[in-house]
Amino acid sequence: MAHGLDPERLSAQFDEIDRLNDHVEGLQLLKSCEVDILADGKLDLPDSILKRLDFTVCAVHYRFDLDIEAQTRRILRAMDNRCFNILAHPTGRLLGERPGYAVDLDRVIDGARERGCFLEINAHPTRLDLDDVHCRQAREAGVKLSISTDAHSTVGLNAMRYGVDQARRGWIEAADVLNTRPWKELKPLFSR
């Protein structure tokens, strides 16, 4: 796990977030984590930790060399986990650096709809992943999208505009985007 994060350290962070939420009025800090999808489709954190999260963002970060059937099956298996909420950077592409991994996005979009999962539009300028065609396809299938920056610092938050532009190219409207909603409306969407 990134930077030595393990279930014990995450649990301690969750406890601290809960304490803050109990003492700070007018603001609610949500608990989330980007969780790796292992080659066999399992998630790299135990369900006991994942259940404490308000939502999960799950992604493929290695074994991009799997064939289209194996990669698609891997992602769909991960979506079977009831703690899975959002598929991050759905093709793994990095513009100008590497193509995306082989994946059947038609099946992934259908699988997300069937399982109550969502897809990310990654706003980072080197990703812009989901493309406009698949954004629109997800919308037409009834799959909500999340626009995120993939920011690793506060400066990275400025990339949000690229994700919004990508969504607009795919005819996505505010009602199609998870992070346009208040927590009261969003929370039930993440309950599987």
Protein backbone atom coordinates (compact mmCIF):
# COMPACT_ATOMS: atom_id res chain seq x y z
CA MET A 1 0.00 0.00 0.00
CA ALA A 2 1.10 3.54 -0.72
CA HIS A 3 3.61 5.00 1.73
CA GLY A 4 3.27 2.09 4.16
CA LEU A 5 -0.42 2.70 4.84
CA ASP A 6 -1.84 -0.41 6.44
CA PRO A 7 -5.17 -1.26 8.10
CA GLU A 8 -3.94 -0.19 11.54
CA ARG A 9 -2.78 3.25 10.39
CA LEU A 10 -5.96 3.74 8.36
CA SER A 11 -8.05 2.77 11.36
CA ALA A 12 -6.24 5.38 13.46
CA GLN A 13 -6.93 8.00 10.77
CA PHE A 14 -10.61 7.03 10.75
CA ASP A 15 -10.78 7.43 14.53
CA GLU A 16 -9.28 10.92 14.24
CA ILE A 17 -11.74 11.88 11.48
CA ASP A 18 -14.62 10.66 13.66
CA ARG A 19 -13.32 12.80 16.55
CA LEU A 20 -13.09 15.86 14.29
CA ASN A 21 -16.60 15.30 12.95
CA ASP A 22 -17.90 15.10 16.52
CA HIS A 23 -16.32 18.47 17.44
CA VAL A 24 -16.48 20.63 14.31
CA GLU A 25 -19.87 22.06 13.41
CA GLY A 26 -20.93 22.86 9.86
CA LEU A 27 -18.39 20.58 8.22
CA GLN A 28 -18.28 16.84 7.70
CA LEU A 29 -15.04 15.16 6.75
CA LEU A 30 -15.63 12.00 4.73
CA LYS A 31 -13.51 8.86 4.99
CA SER A 32 -12.31 7.47 1.71
CA CYS A 33 -9.32 5.74 0.19
CA GLU A 34 -8.07 4.80 -3.26
CA VAL A 35 -7.96 1.03 -3.08
CA ASP A 36 -5.92 -1.12 -5.44
CA ILE A 37 -7.64 -3.79 -7.50
CA LEU A 38 -5.39 -6.84 -7.29
CA ALA A 39 -4.77 -9.06 -10.33
CA ASP A 40 -7.35 -11.59 -9.10
CA GLY A 41 -10.03 -8.91 -8.65
CA LYS A 42 -9.77 -8.68 -4.87
CA LEU A 43 -9.27 -5.32 -3.18
CA ASP A 44 -6.02 -4.70 -1.32
CA LEU A 45 -7.67 -3.82 2.00
CA PRO A 46 -9.79 -6.11 4.16
CA ASP A 47 -13.56 -5.57 4.14
CA SER A 48 -13.43 -4.79 7.86
CA ILE A 49 -11.55 -1.57 7.00
CA LEU A 50 -13.45 -0.88 3.78
CA LYS A 51 -16.76 -0.97 5.66
CA ARG A 52 -15.58 1.95 7.82
CA LEU A 53 -15.16 4.17 4.75
CA ASP A 54 -17.88 6.47 3.53
CA PHE A 55 -16.93 5.43 0.00
CA THR A 56 -14.12 3.74 -1.90
CA VAL A 57 -12.33 4.68 -5.08
CA CYS A 58 -10.86 1.54 -6.63
CA ALA A 59 -8.25 1.34 -9.38
CA VAL A 60 -5.94 -0.87 -11.39
CA HIS A 61 -2.34 0.20 -10.82
CA TYR A 62 -0.33 -2.73 -12.14
CA ARG A 63 -0.57 -5.81 -14.42
CA PHE A 64 -1.64 -3.68 -17.36
CA ASP A 65 -0.46 -6.56 -19.55
CA LEU A 66 -3.52 -8.76 -18.92
CA ASP A 67 -5.55 -9.52 -22.03
CA ILE A 68 -8.90 -7.79 -22.49
CA GLU A 69 -10.93 -10.68 -21.07
CA ALA A 70 -8.76 -11.10 -17.95
CA GLN A 71 -8.59 -7.34 -17.29
CA THR A 72 -12.35 -6.93 -17.71
CA ARG A 73 -13.04 -9.94 -15.49
CA ARG A 74 -10.63 -8.50 -12.87
CA ILE A 75 -12.54 -5.20 -12.71
CA LEU A 76 -15.98 -6.83 -12.68
CA ARG A 77 -14.87 -9.18 -9.89
CA ALA A 78 -13.72 -6.17 -7.88
CA MET A 79 -17.09 -4.49 -8.46
CA ASP A 80 -18.74 -7.56 -6.94
CA ASN A 81 -17.32 -6.48 -3.58
CA ARG A 82 -20.11 -4.54 -1.85
CA CYS A 83 -17.52 -2.07 -0.54
CA PHE A 84 -16.59 -1.02 -4.11
CA ASN A 85 -18.05 2.35 -5.13
CA ILE A 86 -16.11 4.20 -7.85
CA LEU A 87 -13.79 2.85 -10.54
CA ALA A 88 -10.91 5.32 -10.84
CA HIS A 89 -9.15 6.08 -14.13
CA PRO A 90 -11.05 3.31 -15.92
CA THR A 91 -8.51 2.63 -18.69
CA GLY A 92 -5.27 3.50 -16.90
CA ARG A 93 -4.06 5.60 -19.81
CA LEU A 94 -1.50 8.38 -19.44
CA LEU A 95 -1.65 10.70 -22.43
CA GLY A 96 1.69 10.91 -24.21
CA GLU A 97 3.18 8.27 -21.88
CA ARG A 98 1.29 5.00 -22.15
CA PRO A 99 -1.88 3.67 -23.73
CA GLY A 100 -4.62 2.34 -21.51
CA TYR A 101 -4.79 -1.31 -20.62
CA ALA A 102 -7.04 -3.58 -22.67
CA VAL A 103 -10.52 -3.51 -21.15
CA ASP A 104 -14.05 -3.94 -22.48
CA LEU A 105 -15.61 -0.68 -21.30
CA ASP A 106 -19.02 -1.72 -22.62
CA ARG A 107 -19.04 -4.63 -20.15
CA VAL A 108 -17.57 -2.48 -17.37
CA ILE A 109 -20.27 0.17 -17.83
CA ASP A 110 -22.99 -2.51 -17.85
CA GLY A 111 -21.38 -4.13 -14.81
CA ALA A 112 -21.30 -0.82 -12.94
CA ARG A 113 -24.99 -0.25 -13.65
CA GLU A 114 -25.93 -3.78 -12.55
CA ARG A 115 -23.91 -3.54 -9.32
CA GLY A 116 -24.69 0.06 -8.34
CA CYS A 117 -21.11 1.25 -8.95
CA PHE A 118 -19.86 4.45 -10.53
CA LEU A 119 -17.08 5.56 -12.85
CA GLU A 120 -14.57 8.34 -12.49
CA ILE A 121 -13.75 11.07 -14.95
CA ASN A 122 -10.14 11.74 -14.02
CA ALA A 123 -9.38 15.43 -14.55
CA HIS A 124 -5.61 15.17 -14.39
CA PRO A 125 -4.32 16.60 -17.71
CA THR A 126 -2.27 13.48 -18.45
CA ARG A 127 -5.26 11.20 -17.90
CA LEU A 128 -8.62 12.73 -18.92
CA ASP A 129 -9.88 9.22 -18.50
CA LEU A 130 -12.96 8.42 -19.12
CA ASP A 131 -13.10 9.83 -22.65
CA ASP A 132 -16.12 11.75 -23.89
CA VAL A 133 -17.59 8.81 -25.83
CA HIS A 134 -17.61 6.55 -22.76
CA CYS A 135 -18.87 9.39 -20.54
CA ARG A 136 -21.92 9.66 -22.73
CA GLN A 137 -22.30 5.88 -22.89
CA ALA A 138 -22.23 5.69 -19.08
CA ARG A 139 -24.83 8.44 -18.84
CA GLU A 140 -27.10 6.68 -21.33
CA ALA A 141 -26.73 3.47 -19.30
CA GLY A 142 -27.72 5.31 -16.12
CA VAL A 143 -24.27 5.12 -14.51
CA LYS A 144 -23.38 8.21 -12.47
CA LEU A 145 -19.90 9.68 -12.74
CA SER A 146 -17.48 11.26 -10.33
CA ILE A 147 -15.16 14.03 -11.50
CA SER A 148 -11.89 14.00 -9.60
CA THR A 149 -8.54 15.70 -9.95
CA ASP A 150 -6.18 12.87 -8.96
CA ALA A 151 -4.49 15.65 -6.98
CA HIS A 152 -1.51 14.80 -4.83
CA SER A 153 -1.30 18.37 -3.51
CA THR A 154 -3.60 21.37 -3.21
CA VAL A 155 -2.16 22.78 -6.46
CA GLY A 156 -3.52 19.72 -8.27
CA LEU A 157 -7.07 20.72 -7.36
CA ASN A 158 -6.86 23.33 -10.14
CA ALA A 159 -7.21 20.49 -12.67
CA MET A 160 -10.92 20.11 -11.84
CA ARG A 161 -11.80 22.37 -14.78
CA TYR A 162 -10.31 19.79 -17.19
CA GLY A 163 -12.58 17.10 -15.79
CA VAL A 164 -15.60 19.37 -16.10
CA ASP A 165 -14.62 20.08 -19.72
CA GLN A 166 -14.26 16.34 -20.38
CA ALA A 167 -17.71 15.74 -18.88
CA ARG A 168 -19.25 18.50 -21.00
CA ARG A 169 -17.79 16.92 -24.14
CA GLY A 170 -19.65 13.76 -23.14
CA TRP A 171 -22.92 15.68 -22.61
CA ILE A 172 -22.75 15.10 -18.85
CA GLU A 173 -24.91 17.38 -16.72
CA ALA A 174 -24.72 18.15 -13.01
CA ALA A 175 -27.41 15.53 -12.24
CA ASP A 176 -25.11 12.86 -13.73
CA VAL A 177 -22.19 13.78 -11.44
CA LEU A 178 -21.90 12.36 -7.93
CA ASN A 179 -19.84 15.19 -6.50
CA THR A 180 -22.46 17.83 -7.32
CA ARG A 181 -24.68 16.38 -4.60
CA PRO A 182 -24.85 17.12 -0.89
CA TRP A 183 -23.81 14.26 1.41
CA LYS A 184 -27.44 13.61 2.38
CA GLU A 185 -28.21 12.64 -1.25
CA LEU A 186 -24.86 11.00 -1.92
CA LYS A 187 -24.71 8.68 1.09
CA PRO A 188 -27.59 6.40 -0.03
CA LEU A 189 -25.98 6.04 -3.47
CA PHE A 190 -22.89 4.54 -1.82
CA SER A 191 -24.91 2.04 0.25
CA ARG A 192 -24.91 -1.25 -1.58
